[in-house]
Amino acid sequence: MKSFTSSWWLGAAALLALASCDSTRTATEDTSMAATAESVPSTEEVAFSRDLTQGDYRFQIQSTTAENGQQLTIRTRRGEALVTDPIRLNMKGNVTDAVMGDLNGNGSPELYVFTSGGTSSFGGVEAYEFVDKSFRPLKSPQKLSADMAKGYKGEDKYEIRGNRLVRTFPVYGSDTARTASGEMRSIEYSLNSEGMLMPTPMPASGSSTQPRP
């Protein structure tokens, strides 16, 4: 009887050991499959990509195609290390350009991402100030005043000139006109202490309109 009992325990131990090996192998295979799935490259199409540097920091701006426009991703690095979590935004239009600036002169880098609204080409701005290793959203330019909106039909172009954000667009003679009049209108914006882009005072005529180049 003693011999039978010993044989039974030895057989049971062997079965448990085999089951343990199978369990370990299964867990290892599952982990390997998960790692492979994470390494599969994204099928999203990159529509815009740019690296910008200011001081010790590098800003990686990338937009990919989405169902209703584009998705914007902003990563900030110091060397190869990420400084903060990436910013991800769903954009209604398409990213056309990205530039750095310091409009308020406080030494903190600002990032300006310019967009186009598609067929109507109403441009926009996504702006951020990088302070204490984090991004502070800046408030975009306000709606055009009645005077500045006369003859406006989009086609905005943005650029940084010194400590100003400059917005330029063609002027149309009327709301029904299909072609521009040949004149261009520019608006300059400064950045105030509250992080808001404000139009600077305009000439007495209420606009800075010049012939189209």
C-alpha atoms as a PDB file:
ATOM      1  CA  MET A   1       0.000   0.000   0.000  1.00  0.00           C
ATOM      2  CA  LYS A   2       2.854   2.316   0.870  1.00  0.00           C
ATOM      3  CA  SER A   3       4.407   1.767  -2.577  1.00  0.00           C
ATOM      4  CA  PHE A   4       1.106   2.558  -4.319  1.00  0.00           C
ATOM      5  CA  THR A   5       0.655   5.776  -2.320  1.00  0.00           C
ATOM      6  CA  SER A   6       4.158   6.955  -3.170  1.00  0.00           C
ATOM      7  CA  SER A   7       3.633   6.278  -6.867  1.00  0.00           C
ATOM      8  CA  TRP A   8       0.350   8.192  -6.825  1.00  0.00           C
ATOM      9  CA  TRP A   9       1.959  11.264  -5.242  1.00  0.00           C
ATOM     10  CA  LEU A  10       4.857  11.144  -7.696  1.00  0.00           C
ATOM     11  CA  GLY A  11       2.429  11.011 -10.630  1.00  0.00           C
ATOM     12  CA  ALA A  12       0.381  13.913  -9.281  1.00  0.00           C
ATOM     13  CA  ALA A  13       3.517  16.007  -8.771  1.00  0.00           C
ATOM     14  CA  ALA A  14       4.592  15.363 -12.340  1.00  0.00           C
ATOM     15  CA  LEU A  15       1.214  16.461 -13.688  1.00  0.00           C
ATOM     16  CA  LEU A  16       1.342  19.668 -11.630  1.00  0.00           C
ATOM     17  CA  ALA A  17       4.851  20.417 -12.892  1.00  0.00           C
ATOM     18  CA  LEU A  18       3.740  19.903 -16.500  1.00  0.00           C
ATOM     19  CA  ALA A  19       0.729  22.162 -16.014  1.00  0.00           C
ATOM     20  CA  SER A  20       2.989  24.818 -14.518  1.00  0.00           C
ATOM     21  CA  CYS A  21       5.302  24.678 -17.543  1.00  0.00           C
ATOM     22  CA  ASP A  22       2.354  25.012 -19.934  1.00  0.00           C
ATOM     23  CA  SER A  23       1.040  27.999 -17.957  1.00  0.00           C
ATOM     24  CA  THR A  24       4.434  29.703 -18.048  1.00  0.00           C
ATOM     25  CA  ARG A  25       4.797  29.123 -21.788  1.00  0.00           C
ATOM     26  CA  THR A  26       1.311  30.510 -22.455  1.00  0.00           C
ATOM     27  CA  ALA A  27       2.011  33.680 -20.446  1.00  0.00           C
ATOM     28  CA  THR A  28       5.280  34.194 -22.303  1.00  0.00           C
ATOM     29  CA  GLU A  29       3.606  33.769 -25.682  1.00  0.00           C
ATOM     30  CA  ASP A  30       0.832  36.222 -24.743  1.00  0.00           C
ATOM     31  CA  THR A  31       3.387  38.849 -23.664  1.00  0.00           C
ATOM     32  CA  SER A  32       5.311  38.418 -26.900  1.00  0.00           C
ATOM     33  CA  MET A  33       2.162  38.886 -28.976  1.00  0.00           C
ATOM     34  CA  ALA A  34       1.246  42.032 -27.032  1.00  0.00           C
ATOM     35  CA  ALA A  35       4.695  43.525 -27.631  1.00  0.00           C
ATOM     36  CA  THR A  36       4.427  42.743 -31.339  1.00  0.00           C
ATOM     37  CA  ALA A  37       1.005  44.403 -31.571  1.00  0.00           C
ATOM     38  CA  GLU A  38       2.330  47.594 -29.932  1.00  0.00           C
ATOM     39  CA  SER A  39       5.247  47.763 -32.354  1.00  0.00           C
ATOM     40  CA  VAL A  40       3.027  47.725 -35.446  1.00  0.00           C
ATOM     41  CA  PRO A  41       3.336  51.197 -37.103  1.00  0.00           C
ATOM     42  CA  SER A  42       0.271  53.424 -37.288  1.00  0.00           C
ATOM     43  CA  THR A  43      -1.618  53.459 -40.574  1.00  0.00           C
ATOM     44  CA  GLU A  44      -2.514  57.144 -40.149  1.00  0.00           C
ATOM     45  CA  GLU A  45      -1.149  59.368 -42.896  1.00  0.00           C
ATOM     46  CA  VAL A  46       1.192  62.135 -41.749  1.00  0.00           C
ATOM     47  CA  ALA A  47      -0.010  65.400 -43.288  1.00  0.00           C
ATOM     48  CA  PHE A  48       2.447  67.831 -41.629  1.00  0.00           C
ATOM     49  CA  SER A  49       5.638  67.338 -39.644  1.00  0.00           C
ATOM     50  CA  ARG A  50       8.181  69.818 -38.306  1.00  0.00           C
ATOM     51  CA  ASP A  51      10.846  69.984 -35.590  1.00  0.00           C
ATOM     52  CA  LEU A  52      11.539  73.374 -34.008  1.00  0.00           C
ATOM     53  CA  THR A  53      14.174  74.251 -31.412  1.00  0.00           C
ATOM     54  CA  GLN A  54      14.488  77.111 -28.971  1.00  0.00           C
ATOM     55  CA  GLY A  55      17.189  77.084 -26.318  1.00  0.00           C
ATOM     56  CA  ASP A  56      17.542  73.585 -24.842  1.00  0.00           C
ATOM     57  CA  TYR A  57      14.103  72.479 -26.003  1.00  0.00           C
ATOM     58  CA  ARG A  58      12.951  70.725 -29.147  1.00  0.00           C
ATOM     59  CA  PHE A  59       9.307  70.850 -30.223  1.00  0.00           C
ATOM     60  CA  GLN A  60       7.992  68.117 -32.523  1.00  0.00           C
ATOM     61  CA  ILE A  61       4.792  69.094 -34.355  1.00  0.00           C
ATOM     62  CA  GLN A  62       2.921  66.502 -36.370  1.00  0.00           C
ATOM     63  CA  SER A  63      -0.590  66.284 -37.808  1.00  0.00           C
ATOM     64  CA  THR A  64      -2.233  63.144 -39.154  1.00  0.00           C
ATOM     65  CA  THR A  65      -5.367  62.724 -41.229  1.00  0.00           C
ATOM     66  CA  ALA A  66      -8.617  62.197 -39.317  1.00  0.00           C
ATOM     67  CA  GLU A  67     -12.269  61.791 -40.265  1.00  0.00           C
ATOM     68  CA  ASN A  68     -13.159  65.453 -39.689  1.00  0.00           C
ATOM     69  CA  GLY A  69      -9.894  67.239 -40.390  1.00  0.00           C
ATOM     70  CA  GLN A  70      -6.559  66.433 -38.767  1.00  0.00           C
ATOM     71  CA  GLN A  71      -5.212  65.418 -35.368  1.00  0.00           C
ATOM     72  CA  LEU A  72      -2.385  67.594 -34.082  1.00  0.00           C
ATOM     73  CA  THR A  73       0.285  66.167 -31.756  1.00  0.00           C
ATOM     74  CA  ILE A  74       2.918  68.330 -30.028  1.00  0.00           C
ATOM     75  CA  ARG A  75       5.840  66.717 -28.170  1.00  0.00           C
ATOM     76  CA  THR A  76       8.453  68.658 -26.197  1.00  0.00           C
ATOM     77  CA  ARG A  77      11.903  67.186 -25.611  1.00  0.00           C
ATOM     78  CA  ARG A  78      15.105  68.163 -23.879  1.00  0.00           C
ATOM     79  CA  GLY A  79      17.683  65.996 -25.576  1.00  0.00           C
ATOM     80  CA  GLU A  80      15.823  62.763 -26.235  1.00  0.00           C
ATOM     81  CA  ALA A  81      13.709  62.854 -23.077  1.00  0.00           C
ATOM     82  CA  LEU A  82      10.084  64.003 -23.113  1.00  0.00           C
ATOM     83  CA  VAL A  83       9.654  67.045 -20.873  1.00  0.00           C
ATOM     84  CA  THR A  84       5.865  66.881 -20.613  1.00  0.00           C
ATOM     85  CA  ASP A  85       2.964  64.766 -21.813  1.00  0.00           C
ATOM     86  CA  PRO A  86       2.189  65.235 -25.538  1.00  0.00           C
ATOM     87  CA  ILE A  87      -0.613  67.596 -26.508  1.00  0.00           C
ATOM     88  CA  ARG A  88      -3.217  66.113 -28.845  1.00  0.00           C
ATOM     89  CA  LEU A  89      -5.930  68.171 -30.535  1.00  0.00           C
ATOM     90  CA  ASN A  90      -8.542  67.469 -33.193  1.00  0.00           C
ATOM     91  CA  MET A  91      -8.274  70.199 -35.823  1.00  0.00           C
ATOM     92  CA  LYS A  92     -11.145  71.287 -38.048  1.00  0.00           C
ATOM     93  CA  GLY A  93      -8.799  72.449 -40.785  1.00  0.00           C
ATOM     94  CA  ASN A  94      -5.362  71.489 -42.063  1.00  0.00           C
ATOM     95  CA  VAL A  95      -2.049  72.457 -40.485  1.00  0.00           C
ATOM     96  CA  THR A  96      -0.097  74.670 -42.890  1.00  0.00           C
ATOM     97  CA  ASP A  97       2.829  75.958 -40.814  1.00  0.00           C
ATOM     98  CA  ALA A  98       4.355  76.101 -37.319  1.00  0.00           C
ATOM     99  CA  VAL A  99       6.770  78.705 -35.942  1.00  0.00           C
ATOM    100  CA  MET A 100       8.346  79.761 -32.639  1.00  0.00           C
ATOM    101  CA  GLY A 101       8.170  83.230 -31.138  1.00  0.00           C
ATOM    102  CA  ASP A 102       8.449  85.337 -27.986  1.00  0.00           C
ATOM    103  CA  LEU A 103       5.918  88.083 -28.533  1.00  0.00           C
ATOM    104  CA  ASN A 104       5.713  89.174 -24.885  1.00  0.00           C
ATOM    105  CA  GLY A 105       9.514  89.176 -24.466  1.00  0.00           C
ATOM    106  CA  ASN A 106       9.555  87.157 -21.230  1.00  0.00           C
ATOM    107  CA  GLY A 107      12.040  84.546 -22.478  1.00  0.00           C
ATOM    108  CA  SER A 108       9.491  81.691 -22.514  1.00  0.00           C
ATOM    109  CA  PRO A 109       9.155  80.104 -25.970  1.00  0.00           C
ATOM    110  CA  GLU A 110       5.793  80.336 -27.720  1.00  0.00           C
ATOM    111  CA  LEU A 111       4.568  77.930 -30.375  1.00  0.00           C
ATOM    112  CA  TYR A 112       2.191  79.069 -33.127  1.00  0.00           C
ATOM    113  CA  VAL A 113       0.503  76.487 -35.352  1.00  0.00           C
ATOM    114  CA  PHE A 114      -1.313  77.908 -38.382  1.00  0.00           C
ATOM    115  CA  THR A 115      -4.242  76.171 -40.061  1.00  0.00           C
ATOM    116  CA  SER A 116      -6.357  76.507 -43.192  1.00  0.00           C
ATOM    117  CA  GLY A 117     -10.082  75.800 -43.156  1.00  0.00           C
ATOM    118  CA  GLY A 118     -10.244  73.815 -46.391  1.00  0.00           C
ATOM    119  CA  THR A 119     -12.238  75.062 -49.381  1.00  0.00           C
ATOM    120  CA  SER A 120     -13.145  78.397 -47.767  1.00  0.00           C
ATOM    121  CA  SER A 121      -9.528  78.828 -46.568  1.00  0.00           C
ATOM    122  CA  PHE A 122     -10.465  80.558 -43.328  1.00  0.00           C
ATOM    123  CA  GLY A 123      -7.164  80.400 -41.491  1.00  0.00           C
ATOM    124  CA  GLY A 124      -6.737  79.902 -37.765  1.00  0.00           C
ATOM    125  CA  VAL A 125      -4.072  79.819 -35.048  1.00  0.00           C
ATOM    126  CA  GLU A 126      -3.347  77.379 -32.226  1.00  0.00           C
ATOM    127  CA  ALA A 127      -0.881  79.043 -29.852  1.00  0.00           C
ATOM    128  CA  TYR A 128       0.908  77.943 -26.667  1.00  0.00           C
ATOM    129  CA  GLU A 129       3.490  79.361 -24.278  1.00  0.00           C
ATOM    130  CA  PHE A 130       5.954  76.901 -22.712  1.00  0.00           C
ATOM    131  CA  VAL A 131       6.351  77.873 -19.028  1.00  0.00           C
ATOM    132  CA  ASP A 132       7.769  75.765 -16.167  1.00  0.00           C
ATOM    133  CA  LYS A 133       7.932  72.642 -18.359  1.00  0.00           C
ATOM    134  CA  SER A 134       4.255  72.839 -19.288  1.00  0.00           C
ATOM    135  CA  PHE A 135       2.156  74.459 -22.017  1.00  0.00           C
ATOM    136  CA  ARG A 136      -0.173  77.372 -21.377  1.00  0.00           C
ATOM    137  CA  PRO A 137      -2.790  77.791 -24.135  1.00  0.00           C
ATOM    138  CA  LEU A 138      -2.872  81.296 -25.593  1.00  0.00           C
ATOM    139  CA  LYS A 139      -6.183  82.814 -26.617  1.00  0.00           C
ATOM    140  CA  SER A 140      -6.499  83.057 -30.392  1.00  0.00           C
ATOM    141  CA  PRO A 141      -7.218  86.326 -32.220  1.00  0.00           C
ATOM    142  CA  GLN A 142     -10.717  87.609 -31.623  1.00  0.00           C
ATOM    143  CA  LYS A 143     -13.394  87.930 -34.271  1.00  0.00           C
ATOM    144  CA  LEU A 144     -12.722  90.660 -36.803  1.00  0.00           C
ATOM    145  CA  SER A 145     -14.263  94.040 -36.095  1.00  0.00           C
ATOM    146  CA  ALA A 146     -16.925  95.310 -38.502  1.00  0.00           C
ATOM    147  CA  ASP A 147     -14.455  97.635 -40.242  1.00  0.00           C
ATOM    148  CA  MET A 148     -11.793  94.987 -40.682  1.00  0.00           C
ATOM    149  CA  ALA A 149     -14.314  92.365 -41.826  1.00  0.00           C
ATOM    150  CA  LYS A 150     -15.445  94.414 -44.829  1.00  0.00           C
ATOM    151  CA  GLY A 151     -14.543  92.470 -47.957  1.00  0.00           C
ATOM    152  CA  TYR A 152     -13.204  89.525 -45.942  1.00  0.00           C
ATOM    153  CA  LYS A 153     -13.643  86.032 -47.411  1.00  0.00           C
ATOM    154  CA  GLY A 154     -10.847  84.118 -45.765  1.00  0.00           C
ATOM    155  CA  GLU A 155      -7.559  83.128 -47.444  1.00  0.00           C
ATOM    156  CA  ASP A 156      -5.701  84.175 -44.277  1.00  0.00           C
ATOM    157  CA  LYS A 157      -1.919  84.020 -44.088  1.00  0.00           C
ATOM    158  CA  TYR A 158      -0.086  84.250 -40.752  1.00  0.00           C
ATOM    159  CA  GLU A 159       3.525  84.972 -39.875  1.00  0.00           C
ATOM    160  CA  ILE A 160       5.658  86.229 -36.983  1.00  0.00           C
ATOM    161  CA  ARG A 161       7.365  89.583 -37.522  1.00  0.00           C
ATOM    162  CA  GLY A 162       9.495  90.581 -34.557  1.00  0.00           C
ATOM    163  CA  ASN A 163       7.174  90.689 -31.541  1.00  0.00           C
ATOM    164  CA  ARG A 164       3.958  90.691 -33.586  1.00  0.00           C
ATOM    165  CA  LEU A 165       1.704  88.051 -35.119  1.00  0.00           C
ATOM    166  CA  VAL A 166       0.694  89.361 -38.548  1.00  0.00           C
ATOM    167  CA  ARG A 167      -2.467  88.229 -40.317  1.00  0.00           C
ATOM    168  CA  THR A 168      -2.902  89.114 -43.983  1.00  0.00           C
ATOM    169  CA  PHE A 169      -5.823  88.430 -46.335  1.00  0.00           C
ATOM    170  CA  PRO A 170      -7.169  89.700 -49.684  1.00  0.00           C
ATOM    171  CA  VAL A 171     -10.022  92.212 -49.758  1.00  0.00           C
ATOM    172  CA  TYR A 172     -13.119  91.611 -51.916  1.00  0.00           C
ATOM    173  CA  GLY A 173     -15.143  94.546 -53.230  1.00  0.00           C
ATOM    174  CA  SER A 174     -18.475  93.047 -52.133  1.00  0.00           C
ATOM    175  CA  ASP A 175     -19.989  89.944 -50.576  1.00  0.00           C
ATOM    176  CA  THR A 176     -20.963  88.685 -54.039  1.00  0.00           C
ATOM    177  CA  ALA A 177     -17.614  89.375 -55.716  1.00  0.00           C
ATOM    178  CA  ARG A 178     -15.884  86.222 -56.939  1.00  0.00           C
ATOM    179  CA  THR A 179     -12.435  87.736 -57.306  1.00  0.00           C
ATOM    180  CA  ALA A 180     -10.446  89.884 -54.907  1.00  0.00           C
ATOM    181  CA  SER A 181     -10.033  93.599 -55.536  1.00  0.00           C
ATOM    182  CA  GLY A 182      -6.246  93.333 -55.620  1.00  0.00           C
ATOM    183  CA  GLU A 183      -5.851  94.927 -52.182  1.00  0.00           C
ATOM    184  CA  MET A 184      -4.416  93.138 -49.140  1.00  0.00           C
ATOM    185  CA  ARG A 185      -5.335  93.876 -45.530  1.00  0.00           C
ATOM    186  CA  SER A 186      -3.011  93.182 -42.604  1.00  0.00           C
ATOM    187  CA  ILE A 187      -3.700  93.035 -38.882  1.00  0.00           C
ATOM    188  CA  GLU A 188      -0.971  92.903 -36.241  1.00  0.00           C
ATOM    189  CA  TYR A 189      -1.501  91.178 -32.890  1.00  0.00           C
ATOM    190  CA  SER A 190       0.486  91.544 -29.680  1.00  0.00           C
ATOM    191  CA  LEU A 191       0.453  89.141 -26.721  1.00  0.00           C
ATOM    192  CA  ASN A 192      -0.690  90.648 -23.427  1.00  0.00           C
ATOM    193  CA  SER A 193       0.133  89.486 -19.882  1.00  0.00           C
ATOM    194  CA  GLU A 194      -3.067  87.420 -19.726  1.00  0.00           C
ATOM    195  CA  GLY A 195      -2.033  85.275 -22.681  1.00  0.00           C
ATOM    196  CA  MET A 196      -4.428  86.872 -25.151  1.00  0.00           C
ATOM    197  CA  LEU A 197      -3.526  87.885 -28.710  1.00  0.00           C
ATOM    198  CA  MET A 198      -4.865  91.424 -29.145  1.00  0.00           C
ATOM    199  CA  PRO A 199      -4.976  93.581 -32.309  1.00  0.00           C
ATOM    200  CA  THR A 200      -2.638  96.554 -32.144  1.00  0.00           C
ATOM    201  CA  PRO A 201      -4.021 100.067 -32.763  1.00  0.00           C
ATOM    202  CA  MET A 202      -4.534 100.690 -36.453  1.00  0.00           C
ATOM    203  CA  PRO A 203      -3.967 103.887 -38.484  1.00  0.00           C
ATOM    204  CA  ALA A 204      -6.631 106.594 -38.484  1.00  0.00           C
ATOM    205  CA  SER A 205      -8.244 105.093 -41.593  1.00  0.00           C
ATOM    206  CA  GLY A 206      -9.046 101.943 -39.548  1.00  0.00           C
ATOM    207  CA  SER A 207      -7.112  99.534 -41.746  1.00  0.00           C
ATOM    208  CA  SER A 208      -3.712  98.773 -43.139  1.00  0.00           C
ATOM    209  CA  THR A 209      -4.619  97.946 -46.702  1.00  0.00           C
ATOM    210  CA  GLN A 210      -2.008  97.821 -49.420  1.00  0.00           C
ATOM    211  CA  PRO A 211      -1.865  96.775 -53.065  1.00  0.00           C
ATOM    212  CA  ARG A 212      -1.610  93.061 -53.656  1.00  0.00           C
ATOM    213  CA  PRO A 213       1.953  92.112 -54.663  1.00  0.00           C
END
